[in-house]
Amino acid sequence: LPDRLNHPSERLLPCRLGRPEELIHLAHVAMIELAGEAPEIARLNELNARQVPVELDLVTGQTLRGEVVYLAPSQRSRVSDLLNHPTDKFLLMTTGEISRYVHRDSVVRARF
């Protein structure tokens, strides 16, 4: 899922929320939520990913609390670097019980 969400040419994501199948434009998705821990969190932790507590306010009016999980070189490891990263559209956030892929463009305010 993260590869599809962050692929530079991916614009429409196929979803099955019922019948029929739908295509959702990623520019209009603020967040995708999964129950449990996203599969790539274990892989990222093996690579010594950073996990930083954060609170995000979204354009939808929602406030999300949890930890962002990401890989970053030491000279660009701040949360602000993550939020300003030019290539990935979505960042990974977890509470342990819920994982979320949050669209960077939907973040209005970040507190950490």
Protein backbone atom coordinates (compact mmCIF):
# COMPACT_ATOMS: atom_id res chain seq x y z
CA LEU A 1 0.00 0.00 0.00
CA PRO A 2 2.63 2.65 0.84
CA ASP A 3 4.37 2.06 -2.50
CA ARG A 4 1.12 2.73 -4.34
CA LEU A 5 0.23 5.74 -2.19
CA ASN A 6 3.64 7.34 -2.69
CA HIS A 7 4.29 6.37 -6.30
CA PRO A 8 4.81 9.59 -8.28
CA SER A 9 2.47 8.57 -11.12
CA GLU A 10 -0.30 7.04 -8.96
CA ARG A 11 -3.31 9.35 -8.94
CA LEU A 12 -6.31 7.07 -8.53
CA LEU A 13 -6.40 4.26 -6.00
CA PRO A 14 -8.81 1.36 -6.58
CA CYS A 15 -10.95 0.68 -3.50
CA ARG A 16 -13.66 -1.78 -2.71
CA LEU A 17 -15.84 -0.16 -0.09
CA GLY A 18 -18.88 -2.04 -1.29
CA ARG A 19 -20.09 -2.69 -4.80
CA PRO A 20 -19.10 -1.56 -7.36
CA GLU A 21 -15.33 -1.05 -7.10
CA GLU A 22 -14.36 2.61 -6.93
CA LEU A 23 -11.36 4.73 -7.87
CA ILE A 24 -10.45 7.40 -5.31
CA HIS A 25 -8.26 10.38 -6.27
CA LEU A 26 -5.33 10.45 -3.84
CA ALA A 27 -5.12 14.24 -3.80
CA HIS A 28 -8.45 14.23 -1.95
CA VAL A 29 -7.60 11.56 0.62
CA ALA A 30 -6.62 13.02 4.00
CA MET A 31 -5.91 9.67 5.65
CA ILE A 32 -6.26 5.92 5.27
CA GLU A 33 -6.71 3.99 8.51
CA LEU A 34 -5.91 0.32 9.17
CA ALA A 35 -6.73 -1.74 12.24
CA GLY A 36 -3.56 -3.03 13.91
CA GLU A 37 0.04 -2.42 12.99
CA ALA A 38 0.87 -1.77 9.34
CA PRO A 39 3.12 -4.53 7.94
CA GLU A 40 5.96 -2.15 7.08
CA ILE A 41 6.38 -0.93 10.68
CA ALA A 42 8.27 -4.12 11.62
CA ARG A 43 10.49 -3.72 8.54
CA LEU A 44 11.16 -0.07 9.34
CA ASN A 45 11.99 -0.90 12.96
CA GLU A 46 14.56 -3.46 11.75
CA LEU A 47 16.20 -0.59 9.87
CA ASN A 48 16.29 1.58 13.02
CA ALA A 49 13.47 3.88 11.95
CA ARG A 50 12.63 6.87 14.09
CA GLN A 51 9.35 6.85 16.00
CA VAL A 52 8.39 10.30 17.20
CA PRO A 53 5.24 11.17 19.18
CA VAL A 54 3.19 13.70 17.26
CA GLU A 55 -0.22 15.33 17.19
CA LEU A 56 -1.51 16.30 13.75
CA ASP A 57 -4.42 18.61 12.95
CA LEU A 58 -5.90 17.86 9.53
CA VAL A 59 -7.87 19.97 7.05
CA THR A 60 -10.84 17.71 7.89
CA GLY A 61 -10.89 19.10 11.44
CA GLN A 62 -9.61 15.82 12.92
CA THR A 63 -6.73 15.70 15.38
CA LEU A 64 -4.60 12.55 15.23
CA ARG A 65 -2.28 11.44 18.02
CA GLY A 66 0.37 8.75 17.73
CA GLU A 67 3.90 8.23 16.51
CA VAL A 68 5.21 8.91 13.04
CA VAL A 69 7.52 6.13 11.85
CA TYR A 70 10.15 7.00 9.26
CA LEU A 71 13.67 6.50 7.99
CA ALA A 72 15.81 9.58 7.65
CA PRO A 73 19.48 10.42 7.36
CA SER A 74 20.85 11.96 10.56
CA GLN A 75 21.23 15.40 8.96
CA ARG A 76 17.54 15.40 7.89
CA SER A 77 15.87 13.53 10.78
CA ARG A 78 13.60 16.21 12.24
CA VAL A 79 9.82 15.89 12.05
CA SER A 80 9.76 19.10 10.01
CA ASP A 81 12.10 17.41 7.50
CA LEU A 82 9.67 14.49 7.27
CA LEU A 83 6.66 16.76 6.73
CA ASN A 84 8.51 18.81 4.10
CA HIS A 85 9.97 15.82 2.23
CA PRO A 86 9.43 16.48 -1.47
CA THR A 87 8.73 12.96 -2.73
CA ASP A 88 6.46 10.94 -0.45
CA LYS A 89 2.83 12.07 -0.42
CA PHE A 90 1.87 10.01 2.64
CA LEU A 91 3.51 9.52 6.02
CA LEU A 92 3.02 6.56 8.34
CA MET A 93 1.59 7.08 11.81
CA THR A 94 0.74 4.47 14.47
CA THR A 95 -0.82 4.19 17.89
CA GLY A 96 0.02 0.48 18.10
CA GLU A 97 -3.66 -0.41 17.71
CA ILE A 98 -4.27 1.68 14.58
CA SER A 99 -1.99 2.57 11.68
CA ARG A 100 -2.65 5.55 9.46
CA TYR A 101 -1.26 6.78 6.17
CA VAL A 102 -1.66 10.55 6.37
CA HIS A 103 -1.48 12.76 3.28
CA ARG A 104 1.09 15.49 3.94
CA ASP A 105 -1.04 18.08 2.16
CA SER A 106 -3.86 17.46 4.65
CA VAL A 107 -1.72 18.43 7.67
CA VAL A 108 -2.59 21.91 8.94
CA ARG A 109 -0.56 21.80 12.18
CA ALA A 110 1.91 19.40 13.77
CA ARG A 111 2.87 19.35 17.45
CA PHE A 112 5.71 17.16 18.71
